[in-house]
Amino acid sequence: MVLGKDDKDNKAIVLSNKFDNRIDKMSEDIEMQLVKKLKTRTFSVQLDESPLRDSEAVLITYIRYVNKDHFAEEMLFCKSLESTTTSKDIYNKLKTYLDANNM
């Protein structure tokens, strides 16, 4: 199950702000390391649009690249699709992420 930071189901999991902040900083650091690595490599993208509940959906994006003579596969991001799940919405979400990270 994928939960957003403000998801009402997420409130059932109580963490202190100290741990919550550490988790956020660690995940941002891991993401930045991966983005930095991808800026110097050719990679392929796999997109998966997944419904959650009611009319909600998320876009999960995986990337595959060569790292030290072997293939590596990582989840690049998981973002909510706010309105519809058309190919244009999915493309725009990916493009926005890549542009924001200068990729």
PDB file of N, CA and C in Angstrom:
ATOM      1  N   MET A   1       0.844  -1.170   0.000  1.00  0.00           N
ATOM      2  CA  MET A   1       0.000   0.000   0.000  1.00  0.00           C
ATOM      3  C   MET A   1       0.891   1.236   0.000  1.00  0.00           C
ATOM      4  N   VAL A   2       0.559   2.204  -0.803  1.00  0.00           N
ATOM      5  CA  VAL A   2       1.324   3.436  -0.889  1.00  0.00           C
ATOM      6  C   VAL A   2       0.513   4.544  -0.237  1.00  0.00           C
ATOM      7  N   LEU A   3       1.097   5.212   0.750  1.00  0.00           N
ATOM      8  CA  LEU A   3       0.404   6.282   1.440  1.00  0.00           C
ATOM      9  C   LEU A   3       1.127   7.598   1.234  1.00  0.00           C
ATOM     10  N   GLY A   4       0.384   8.651   1.066  1.00  0.00           N
ATOM     11  CA  GLY A   4       0.962   9.981   0.993  1.00  0.00           C
ATOM     12  C   GLY A   4       1.178  10.512   2.390  1.00  0.00           C
ATOM     13  N   LYS A   5       1.950  11.595   2.486  1.00  0.00           N
ATOM     14  CA  LYS A   5       2.241  12.186   3.778  1.00  0.00           C
ATOM     15  C   LYS A   5       0.989  12.658   4.497  1.00  0.00           C
ATOM     16  N   ASP A   6       0.018  13.148   3.752  1.00  0.00           N
ATOM     17  CA  ASP A   6      -1.189  13.692   4.345  1.00  0.00           C
ATOM     18  C   ASP A   6      -2.357  12.714   4.289  1.00  0.00           C
ATOM     19  N   ASP A   7      -2.089  11.479   3.946  1.00  0.00           N
ATOM     20  CA  ASP A   7      -3.145  10.479   3.825  1.00  0.00           C
ATOM     21  C   ASP A   7      -3.755  10.209   5.200  1.00  0.00           C
ATOM     22  N   LYS A   8      -5.099  10.171   5.256  1.00  0.00           N
ATOM     23  CA  LYS A   8      -5.760   9.966   6.546  1.00  0.00           C
ATOM     24  C   LYS A   8      -5.428   8.608   7.157  1.00  0.00           C
ATOM     25  N   ASP A   9      -5.169   7.586   6.330  1.00  0.00           N
ATOM     26  CA  ASP A   9      -4.797   6.274   6.857  1.00  0.00           C
ATOM     27  C   ASP A   9      -3.400   6.304   7.464  1.00  0.00           C
ATOM     28  N   ASN A  10      -2.599   7.245   7.034  1.00  0.00           N
ATOM     29  CA  ASN A  10      -1.235   7.371   7.517  1.00  0.00           C
ATOM     30  C   ASN A  10      -1.213   7.846   8.968  1.00  0.00           C
ATOM     31  N   LYS A  11      -2.281   8.498   9.434  1.00  0.00           N
ATOM     32  CA  LYS A  11      -2.334   9.015  10.793  1.00  0.00           C
ATOM     33  C   LYS A  11      -2.351   7.889  11.824  1.00  0.00           C
ATOM     34  N   ALA A  12      -2.670   6.684  11.391  1.00  0.00           N
ATOM     35  CA  ALA A  12      -2.663   5.550  12.297  1.00  0.00           C
ATOM     36  C   ALA A  12      -1.246   5.162  12.684  1.00  0.00           C
ATOM     37  N   ILE A  13      -0.284   5.537  11.871  1.00  0.00           N
ATOM     38  CA  ILE A  13       1.116   5.245  12.147  1.00  0.00           C
ATOM     39  C   ILE A  13       1.713   6.494  12.786  1.00  0.00           C
ATOM     40  N   VAL A  14       2.026   6.412  14.070  1.00  0.00           N
ATOM     41  CA  VAL A  14       2.504   7.587  14.781  1.00  0.00           C
ATOM     42  C   VAL A  14       4.016   7.478  14.946  1.00  0.00           C
ATOM     43  N   LEU A  15       4.712   8.480  14.404  1.00  0.00           N
ATOM     44  CA  LEU A  15       6.150   8.582  14.579  1.00  0.00           C
ATOM     45  C   LEU A  15       6.450   9.937  15.188  1.00  0.00           C
ATOM     46  N   SER A  16       7.488  10.011  15.976  1.00  0.00           N
ATOM     47  CA  SER A  16       7.857  11.318  16.501  1.00  0.00           C
ATOM     48  C   SER A  16       8.404  12.161  15.366  1.00  0.00           C
ATOM     49  N   ASN A  17       8.347  13.470  15.508  1.00  0.00           N
ATOM     50  CA  ASN A  17       8.853  14.371  14.476  1.00  0.00           C
ATOM     51  C   ASN A  17      10.326  14.126  14.198  1.00  0.00           C
ATOM     52  N   LYS A  18      11.074  13.745  15.225  1.00  0.00           N
ATOM     53  CA  LYS A  18      12.501  13.470  15.074  1.00  0.00           C
ATOM     54  C   LYS A  18      12.728  12.351  14.056  1.00  0.00           C
ATOM     55  N   PHE A  19      12.001  11.261  14.194  1.00  0.00           N
ATOM     56  CA  PHE A  19      12.161  10.135  13.276  1.00  0.00           C
ATOM     57  C   PHE A  19      11.578  10.446  11.910  1.00  0.00           C
ATOM     58  N   ASP A  20      10.458  11.142  11.900  1.00  0.00           N
ATOM     59  CA  ASP A  20       9.831  11.529  10.640  1.00  0.00           C
ATOM     60  C   ASP A  20      10.783  12.403   9.824  1.00  0.00           C
ATOM     61  N   ASN A  21      11.428  13.345  10.455  1.00  0.00           N
ATOM     62  CA  ASN A  21      12.386  14.217   9.765  1.00  0.00           C
ATOM     63  C   ASN A  21      13.590  13.430   9.263  1.00  0.00           C
ATOM     64  N   ARG A  22      14.067  12.487  10.051  1.00  0.00           N
ATOM     65  CA  ARG A  22      15.204  11.658   9.619  1.00  0.00           C
ATOM     66  C   ARG A  22      14.843  10.836   8.392  1.00  0.00           C
ATOM     67  N   ILE A  23      13.667  10.260   8.415  1.00  0.00           N
ATOM     68  CA  ILE A  23      13.222   9.447   7.280  1.00  0.00           C
ATOM     69  C   ILE A  23      13.123  10.310   6.029  1.00  0.00           C
ATOM     70  N   ASP A  24      12.544  11.505   6.162  1.00  0.00           N
ATOM     71  CA  ASP A  24      12.444  12.424   5.013  1.00  0.00           C
ATOM     72  C   ASP A  24      13.820  12.785   4.470  1.00  0.00           C
ATOM     73  N   LYS A  25      14.754  13.101   5.360  1.00  0.00           N
ATOM     74  CA  LYS A  25      16.106  13.485   4.919  1.00  0.00           C
ATOM     75  C   LYS A  25      16.823  12.320   4.254  1.00  0.00           C
ATOM     76  N   MET A  26      16.655  11.125   4.800  1.00  0.00           N
ATOM     77  CA  MET A  26      17.296   9.952   4.203  1.00  0.00           C
ATOM     78  C   MET A  26      16.726   9.674   2.820  1.00  0.00           C
ATOM     79  N   SER A  27      15.420   9.757   2.676  1.00  0.00           N
ATOM     80  CA  SER A  27      14.821   9.470   1.370  1.00  0.00           C
ATOM     81  C   SER A  27      15.198  10.534   0.348  1.00  0.00           C
ATOM     82  N   GLU A  28      15.284  11.798   0.761  1.00  0.00           N
ATOM     83  CA  GLU A  28      15.727  12.855  -0.153  1.00  0.00           C
ATOM     84  C   GLU A  28      17.171  12.629  -0.586  1.00  0.00           C
ATOM     85  N   ASP A  29      18.021  12.203   0.342  1.00  0.00           N
ATOM     86  CA  ASP A  29      19.425  11.947   0.020  1.00  0.00           C
ATOM     87  C   ASP A  29      19.559  10.794  -0.965  1.00  0.00           C
ATOM     88  N   ILE A  30      18.819   9.723  -0.738  1.00  0.00           N
ATOM     89  CA  ILE A  30      18.858   8.575  -1.648  1.00  0.00           C
ATOM     90  C   ILE A  30      18.378   8.983  -3.033  1.00  0.00           C
ATOM     91  N   GLU A  31      17.304   9.760  -3.085  1.00  0.00           N
ATOM     92  CA  GLU A  31      16.780  10.221  -4.371  1.00  0.00           C
ATOM     93  C   GLU A  31      17.808  11.087  -5.099  1.00  0.00           C
ATOM     94  N   MET A  32      18.453  12.002  -4.385  1.00  0.00           N
ATOM     95  CA  MET A  32      19.438  12.887  -5.022  1.00  0.00           C
ATOM     96  C   MET A  32      20.660  12.105  -5.520  1.00  0.00           C
ATOM     97  N   GLN A  33      21.070  11.080  -4.774  1.00  0.00           N
ATOM     98  CA  GLN A  33      22.174  10.234  -5.229  1.00  0.00           C
ATOM     99  C   GLN A  33      21.808   9.524  -6.521  1.00  0.00           C
ATOM    100  N   LEU A  34      20.592   9.021  -6.601  1.00  0.00           N
ATOM    101  CA  LEU A  34      20.138   8.330  -7.808  1.00  0.00           C
ATOM    102  C   LEU A  34      20.029   9.297  -8.983  1.00  0.00           C
ATOM    103  N   VAL A  35      19.465  10.476  -8.756  1.00  0.00           N
ATOM    104  CA  VAL A  35      19.343  11.476  -9.824  1.00  0.00           C
ATOM    105  C   VAL A  35      20.725  11.866 -10.333  1.00  0.00           C
ATOM    106  N   LYS A  36      21.656  12.063  -9.425  1.00  0.00           N
ATOM    107  CA  LYS A  36      23.038  12.413  -9.814  1.00  0.00           C
ATOM    108  C   LYS A  36      23.648  11.308 -10.676  1.00  0.00           C
ATOM    109  N   LYS A  37      23.430  10.076 -10.282  1.00  0.00           N
ATOM    110  CA  LYS A  37      23.946   8.933 -11.040  1.00  0.00           C
ATOM    111  C   LYS A  37      23.326   8.871 -12.437  1.00  0.00           C
ATOM    112  N   LEU A  38      22.025   9.115 -12.525  1.00  0.00           N
ATOM    113  CA  LEU A  38      21.321   9.020 -13.801  1.00  0.00           C
ATOM    114  C   LEU A  38      21.717  10.125 -14.778  1.00  0.00           C
ATOM    115  N   LYS A  39      22.179  11.241 -14.268  1.00  0.00           N
ATOM    116  CA  LYS A  39      22.587  12.345 -15.142  1.00  0.00           C
ATOM    117  C   LYS A  39      23.804  11.978 -15.980  1.00  0.00           C
ATOM    118  N   THR A  40      24.538  10.941 -15.591  1.00  0.00           N
ATOM    119  CA  THR A  40      25.745  10.544 -16.320  1.00  0.00           C
ATOM    120  C   THR A  40      25.574   9.217 -17.056  1.00  0.00           C
ATOM    121  N   ARG A  41      24.355   8.703 -17.088  1.00  0.00           N
ATOM    122  CA  ARG A  41      24.111   7.398 -17.708  1.00  0.00           C
ATOM    123  C   ARG A  41      22.886   7.447 -18.617  1.00  0.00           C
ATOM    124  N   THR A  42      22.839   6.489 -19.520  1.00  0.00           N
ATOM    125  CA  THR A  42      21.636   6.258 -20.308  1.00  0.00           C
ATOM    126  C   THR A  42      20.757   5.316 -19.504  1.00  0.00           C
ATOM    127  N   PHE A  43      19.464   5.586 -19.493  1.00  0.00           N
ATOM    128  CA  PHE A  43      18.564   4.741 -18.716  1.00  0.00           C
ATOM    129  C   PHE A  43      17.240   4.570 -19.449  1.00  0.00           C
ATOM    130  N   SER A  44      16.541   3.521 -19.080  1.00  0.00           N
ATOM    131  CA  SER A  44      15.198   3.301 -19.625  1.00  0.00           C
ATOM    132  C   SER A  44      14.187   3.501 -18.500  1.00  0.00           C
ATOM    133  N   VAL A  45      12.956   3.785 -18.892  1.00  0.00           N
ATOM    134  CA  VAL A  45      11.905   4.109 -17.927  1.00  0.00           C
ATOM    135  C   VAL A  45      10.751   3.125 -18.072  1.00  0.00           C
ATOM    136  N   GLN A  46      10.225   2.682 -16.951  1.00  0.00           N
ATOM    137  CA  GLN A  46       9.008   1.862 -16.931  1.00  0.00           C
ATOM    138  C   GLN A  46       8.008   2.580 -16.038  1.00  0.00           C
ATOM    139  N   LEU A  47       6.818   2.813 -16.559  1.00  0.00           N
ATOM    140  CA  LEU A  47       5.775   3.526 -15.821  1.00  0.00           C
ATOM    141  C   LEU A  47       4.650   2.571 -15.471  1.00  0.00           C
ATOM    142  N   ASP A  48       4.149   2.707 -14.257  1.00  0.00           N
ATOM    143  CA  ASP A  48       3.036   1.868 -13.814  1.00  0.00           C
ATOM    144  C   ASP A  48       1.995   2.757 -13.143  1.00  0.00           C
ATOM    145  N   GLU A  49       0.827   2.865 -13.753  1.00  0.00           N
ATOM    146  CA  GLU A  49      -0.281   3.619 -13.163  1.00  0.00           C
ATOM    147  C   GLU A  49      -1.107   2.630 -12.378  1.00  0.00           C
ATOM    148  N   SER A  50      -1.254   2.888 -11.085  1.00  0.00           N
ATOM    149  CA  SER A  50      -1.963   1.950 -10.222  1.00  0.00           C
ATOM    150  C   SER A  50      -3.090   2.639  -9.473  1.00  0.00           C
ATOM    151  N   PRO A  51      -4.291   2.076  -9.531  1.00  0.00           N
ATOM    152  CA  PRO A  51      -5.395   2.651  -8.751  1.00  0.00           C
ATOM    153  C   PRO A  51      -5.222   2.325  -7.273  1.00  0.00           C
ATOM    154  N   LEU A  52      -5.625   3.247  -6.420  1.00  0.00           N
ATOM    155  CA  LEU A  52      -5.578   2.996  -4.980  1.00  0.00           C
ATOM    156  C   LEU A  52      -6.980   2.641  -4.489  1.00  0.00           C
ATOM    157  N   ARG A  53      -7.775   3.645  -4.251  1.00  0.00           N
ATOM    158  CA  ARG A  53      -9.156   3.415  -3.817  1.00  0.00           C
ATOM    159  C   ARG A  53     -10.014   4.513  -4.422  1.00  0.00           C
ATOM    160  N   ASP A  54     -11.266   4.257  -4.521  1.00  0.00           N
ATOM    161  CA  ASP A  54     -12.207   5.198  -5.147  1.00  0.00           C
ATOM    162  C   ASP A  54     -11.664   5.648  -6.495  1.00  0.00           C
ATOM    163  N   SER A  55     -11.414   6.933  -6.656  1.00  0.00           N
ATOM    164  CA  SER A  55     -10.926   7.433  -7.950  1.00  0.00           C
ATOM    165  C   SER A  55      -9.479   7.903  -7.857  1.00  0.00           C
ATOM    166  N   GLU A  56      -8.740   7.434  -6.869  1.00  0.00           N
ATOM    167  CA  GLU A  56      -7.347   7.827  -6.710  1.00  0.00           C
ATOM    168  C   GLU A  56      -6.424   6.872  -7.462  1.00  0.00           C
ATOM    169  N   ALA A  57      -5.308   7.441  -7.951  1.00  0.00           N
ATOM    170  CA  ALA A  57      -4.318   6.622  -8.652  1.00  0.00           C
ATOM    171  C   ALA A  57      -2.934   7.212  -8.421  1.00  0.00           C
ATOM    172  N   VAL A  58      -1.919   6.360  -8.512  1.00  0.00           N
ATOM    173  CA  VAL A  58      -0.532   6.809  -8.397  1.00  0.00           C
ATOM    174  C   VAL A  58       0.238   6.357  -9.627  1.00  0.00           C
ATOM    175  N   LEU A  59       1.276   7.118  -9.917  1.00  0.00           N
ATOM    176  CA  LEU A  59       2.196   6.770 -10.990  1.00  0.00           C
ATOM    177  C   LEU A  59       3.502   6.347 -10.343  1.00  0.00           C
ATOM    178  N   ILE A  60       3.862   5.102 -10.542  1.00  0.00           N
ATOM    179  CA  ILE A  60       5.129   4.585 -10.016  1.00  0.00           C
ATOM    180  C   ILE A  60       6.081   4.466 -11.194  1.00  0.00           C
ATOM    181  N   THR A  61       7.251   5.059 -11.058  1.00  0.00           N
ATOM    182  CA  THR A  61       8.215   5.111 -12.153  1.00  0.00           C
ATOM    183  C   THR A  61       9.499   4.388 -11.752  1.00  0.00           C
ATOM    184  N   TYR A  62       9.846   3.400 -12.551  1.00  0.00           N
ATOM    185  CA  TYR A  62      11.075   2.633 -12.347  1.00  0.00           C
ATOM    186  C   TYR A  62      12.062   2.990 -13.449  1.00  0.00           C
ATOM    187  N   ILE A  63      13.325   2.943 -13.127  1.00  0.00           N
ATOM    188  CA  ILE A  63      14.354   3.167 -14.141  1.00  0.00           C
ATOM    189  C   ILE A  63      15.320   1.989 -14.116  1.00  0.00           C
ATOM    190  N   ARG A  64      15.911   1.750 -15.269  1.00  0.00           N
ATOM    191  CA  ARG A  64      16.893   0.679 -15.407  1.00  0.00           C
ATOM    192  C   ARG A  64      18.104   1.257 -16.110  1.00  0.00           C
ATOM    193  N   TYR A  65      19.289   0.954 -15.596  1.00  0.00           N
ATOM    194  CA  TYR A  65      20.527   1.499 -16.142  1.00  0.00           C
ATOM    195  C   TYR A  65      21.676   0.532 -15.863  1.00  0.00           C
ATOM    196  N   VAL A  66      22.791   0.765 -16.538  1.00  0.00           N
ATOM    197  CA  VAL A  66      23.976  -0.063 -16.313  1.00  0.00           C
ATOM    198  C   VAL A  66      24.817   0.598 -15.225  1.00  0.00           C
ATOM    199  N   ASN A  67      25.171  -0.189 -14.219  1.00  0.00           N
ATOM    200  CA  ASN A  67      25.971   0.295 -13.100  1.00  0.00           C
ATOM    201  C   ASN A  67      27.086  -0.714 -12.837  1.00  0.00           C
ATOM    202  N   LYS A  68      28.315  -0.300 -13.107  1.00  0.00           N
ATOM    203  CA  LYS A  68      29.475  -1.177 -12.873  1.00  0.00           C
ATOM    204  C   LYS A  68      29.299  -2.545 -13.544  1.00  0.00           C
ATOM    205  N   ASP A  69      29.047  -2.529 -14.831  1.00  0.00           N
ATOM    206  CA  ASP A  69      28.944  -3.736 -15.654  1.00  0.00           C
ATOM    207  C   ASP A  69      27.760  -4.649 -15.350  1.00  0.00           C
ATOM    208  N   HIS A  70      26.762  -4.152 -14.651  1.00  0.00           N
ATOM    209  CA  HIS A  70      25.542  -4.939 -14.468  1.00  0.00           C
ATOM    210  C   HIS A  70      24.323  -4.012 -14.517  1.00  0.00           C
ATOM    211  N   PHE A  71      23.176  -4.596 -14.805  1.00  0.00           N
ATOM    212  CA  PHE A  71      21.953  -3.809 -14.841  1.00  0.00           C
ATOM    213  C   PHE A  71      21.471  -3.541 -13.421  1.00  0.00           C
ATOM    214  N   ALA A  72      21.033  -2.320 -13.201  1.00  0.00           N
ATOM    215  CA  ALA A  72      20.431  -1.940 -11.917  1.00  0.00           C
ATOM    216  C   ALA A  72      19.027  -1.421 -12.202  1.00  0.00           C
ATOM    217  N   GLU A  73      18.121  -1.707 -11.302  1.00  0.00           N
ATOM    218  CA  GLU A  73      16.750  -1.225 -11.439  1.00  0.00           C
ATOM    219  C   GLU A  73      16.354  -0.574 -10.128  1.00  0.00           C
ATOM    220  N   GLU A  74      15.797   0.626 -10.220  1.00  0.00           N
ATOM    221  CA  GLU A  74      15.416   1.392  -9.035  1.00  0.00           C
ATOM    222  C   GLU A  74      14.041   2.008  -9.249  1.00  0.00           C
ATOM    223  N   MET A  75      13.342   2.251  -8.155  1.00  0.00           N
ATOM    224  CA  MET A  75      12.122   3.036  -8.248  1.00  0.00           C
ATOM    225  C   MET A  75      12.554   4.495  -8.193  1.00  0.00           C
ATOM    226  N   LEU A  76      12.192   5.263  -9.210  1.00  0.00           N
ATOM    227  CA  LEU A  76      12.591   6.667  -9.269  1.00  0.00           C
ATOM    228  C   LEU A  76      11.645   7.531  -8.457  1.00  0.00           C
ATOM    229  N   PHE A  77      10.337   7.375  -8.661  1.00  0.00           N
ATOM    230  CA  PHE A  77       9.381   8.134  -7.859  1.00  0.00           C
ATOM    231  C   PHE A  77       8.005   7.496  -7.880  1.00  0.00           C
ATOM    232  N   CYS A  78       7.203   7.924  -6.935  1.00  0.00           N
ATOM    233  CA  CYS A  78       5.800   7.539  -6.846  1.00  0.00           C
ATOM    234  C   CYS A  78       5.024   8.823  -6.601  1.00  0.00           C
ATOM    235  N   LYS A  79       4.192   9.214  -7.558  1.00  0.00           N
ATOM    236  CA  LYS A  79       3.454  10.479  -7.479  1.00  0.00           C
ATOM    237  C   LYS A  79       1.971  10.222  -7.686  1.00  0.00           C
ATOM    238  N   SER A  80       1.156  11.007  -7.012  1.00  0.00           N
ATOM    239  CA  SER A  80      -0.291  10.938  -7.193  1.00  0.00           C
ATOM    240  C   SER A  80      -0.672  11.510  -8.545  1.00  0.00           C
ATOM    241  N   LEU A  81      -1.661  10.901  -9.158  1.00  0.00           N
ATOM    242  CA  LEU A  81      -2.273  11.452 -10.367  1.00  0.00           C
ATOM    243  C   LEU A  81      -3.544  12.146  -9.905  1.00  0.00           C
ATOM    244  N   GLU A  82      -3.535  13.471  -9.963  1.00  0.00           N
ATOM    245  CA  GLU A  82      -4.588  14.267  -9.347  1.00  0.00           C
ATOM    246  C   GLU A  82      -5.952  14.113  -9.995  1.00  0.00           C
ATOM    247  N   SER A  83      -6.005  14.129 -11.312  1.00  0.00           N
ATOM    248  CA  SER A  83      -7.325  14.120 -11.946  1.00  0.00           C
ATOM    249  C   SER A  83      -7.556  12.838 -12.726  1.00  0.00           C
ATOM    250  N   THR A  84      -7.092  12.804 -13.955  1.00  0.00           N
ATOM    251  CA  THR A  84      -7.304  11.627 -14.802  1.00  0.00           C
ATOM    252  C   THR A  84      -5.994  10.872 -14.972  1.00  0.00           C
ATOM    253  N   THR A  85      -6.102   9.724 -15.608  1.00  0.00           N
ATOM    254  CA  THR A  85      -4.907   8.899 -15.815  1.00  0.00           C
ATOM    255  C   THR A  85      -4.673   8.682 -17.307  1.00  0.00           C
ATOM    256  N   THR A  86      -4.841   9.730 -18.075  1.00  0.00           N
ATOM    257  CA  THR A  86      -4.613   9.627 -19.511  1.00  0.00           C
ATOM    258  C   THR A  86      -3.119   9.586 -19.789  1.00  0.00           C
ATOM    259  N   SER A  87      -2.765   9.179 -20.997  1.00  0.00           N
ATOM    260  CA  SER A  87      -1.347   9.135 -21.361  1.00  0.00           C
ATOM    261  C   SER A  87      -0.721  10.523 -21.272  1.00  0.00           C
ATOM    262  N   LYS A  88      -1.483  11.556 -21.566  1.00  0.00           N
ATOM    263  CA  LYS A  88      -0.975  12.930 -21.475  1.00  0.00           C
ATOM    264  C   LYS A  88      -0.656  13.296 -20.019  1.00  0.00           C
ATOM    265  N   ASP A  89      -1.519  12.916 -19.080  1.00  0.00           N
ATOM    266  CA  ASP A  89      -1.280  13.181 -17.657  1.00  0.00           C
ATOM    267  C   ASP A  89      -0.016  12.473 -17.174  1.00  0.00           C
ATOM    268  N   ILE A  90       0.127  11.227 -17.597  1.00  0.00           N
ATOM    269  CA  ILE A  90       1.287  10.426 -17.193  1.00  0.00           C
ATOM    270  C   ILE A  90       2.560  11.018 -17.791  1.00  0.00           C
ATOM    271  N   TYR A  91       2.520  11.364 -19.065  1.00  0.00           N
ATOM    272  CA  TYR A  91       3.676  11.985 -19.715  1.00  0.00           C
ATOM    273  C   TYR A  91       4.053  13.289 -19.014  1.00  0.00           C
ATOM    274  N   ASN A  92       3.079  14.126 -18.729  1.00  0.00           N
ATOM    275  CA  ASN A  92       3.350  15.413 -18.082  1.00  0.00           C
ATOM    276  C   ASN A  92       3.945  15.247 -16.693  1.00  0.00           C
ATOM    277  N   LYS A  93       3.491  14.240 -15.940  1.00  0.00           N
ATOM    278  CA  LYS A  93       4.037  13.985 -14.607  1.00  0.00           C
ATOM    279  C   LYS A  93       5.505  13.569 -14.712  1.00  0.00           C
ATOM    280  N   LEU A  94       5.825  12.696 -15.671  1.00  0.00           N
ATOM    281  CA  LEU A  94       7.213  12.276 -15.878  1.00  0.00           C
ATOM    282  C   LEU A  94       8.066  13.444 -16.344  1.00  0.00           C
ATOM    283  N   LYS A  95       7.590  14.207 -17.307  1.00  0.00           N
ATOM    284  CA  LYS A  95       8.337  15.342 -17.833  1.00  0.00           C
ATOM    285  C   LYS A  95       8.607  16.386 -16.758  1.00  0.00           C
ATOM    286  N   THR A  96       7.620  16.666 -15.939  1.00  0.00           N
ATOM    287  CA  THR A  96       7.784  17.625 -14.843  1.00  0.00           C
ATOM    288  C   THR A  96       8.892  17.181 -13.892  1.00  0.00           C
ATOM    289  N   TYR A  97       8.906  15.894 -13.553  1.00  0.00           N
ATOM    290  CA  TYR A  97       9.932  15.371 -12.647  1.00  0.00           C
ATOM    291  C   TYR A  97      11.314  15.469 -13.285  1.00  0.00           C
ATOM    292  N   LEU A  98      11.434  15.032 -14.541  1.00  0.00           N
ATOM    293  CA  LEU A  98      12.730  15.067 -15.212  1.00  0.00           C
ATOM    294  C   LEU A  98      13.225  16.491 -15.381  1.00  0.00           C
ATOM    295  N   ASP A  99      12.337  17.415 -15.739  1.00  0.00           N
ATOM    296  CA  ASP A  99      12.725  18.826 -15.876  1.00  0.00           C
ATOM    297  C   ASP A  99      13.155  19.425 -14.537  1.00  0.00           C
ATOM    298  N   ALA A 100      12.429  19.123 -13.486  1.00  0.00           N
ATOM    299  CA  ALA A 100      12.748  19.659 -12.147  1.00  0.00           C
ATOM    300  C   ALA A 100      14.124  19.192 -11.669  1.00  0.00           C
ATOM    301  N   ASN A 101      14.550  18.011 -12.141  1.00  0.00           N
ATOM    302  CA  ASN A 101      15.846  17.466 -11.741  1.00  0.00           C
ATOM    303  C   ASN A 101      16.905  17.616 -12.826  1.00  0.00           C
ATOM    304  N   ASN A 102      16.622  18.436 -13.832  1.00  0.00           N
ATOM    305  CA  ASN A 102      17.577  18.703 -14.933  1.00  0.00           C
ATOM    306  C   ASN A 102      18.081  17.408 -15.566  1.00  0.00           C
ATOM    307  N   MET A 103      17.186  16.527 -15.861  1.00  0.00           N
ATOM    308  CA  MET A 103      17.555  15.244 -16.465  1.00  0.00           C
ATOM    309  C   MET A 103      17.094  15.217 -17.904  1.00  0.00           C
TER     310      MET A 103
END
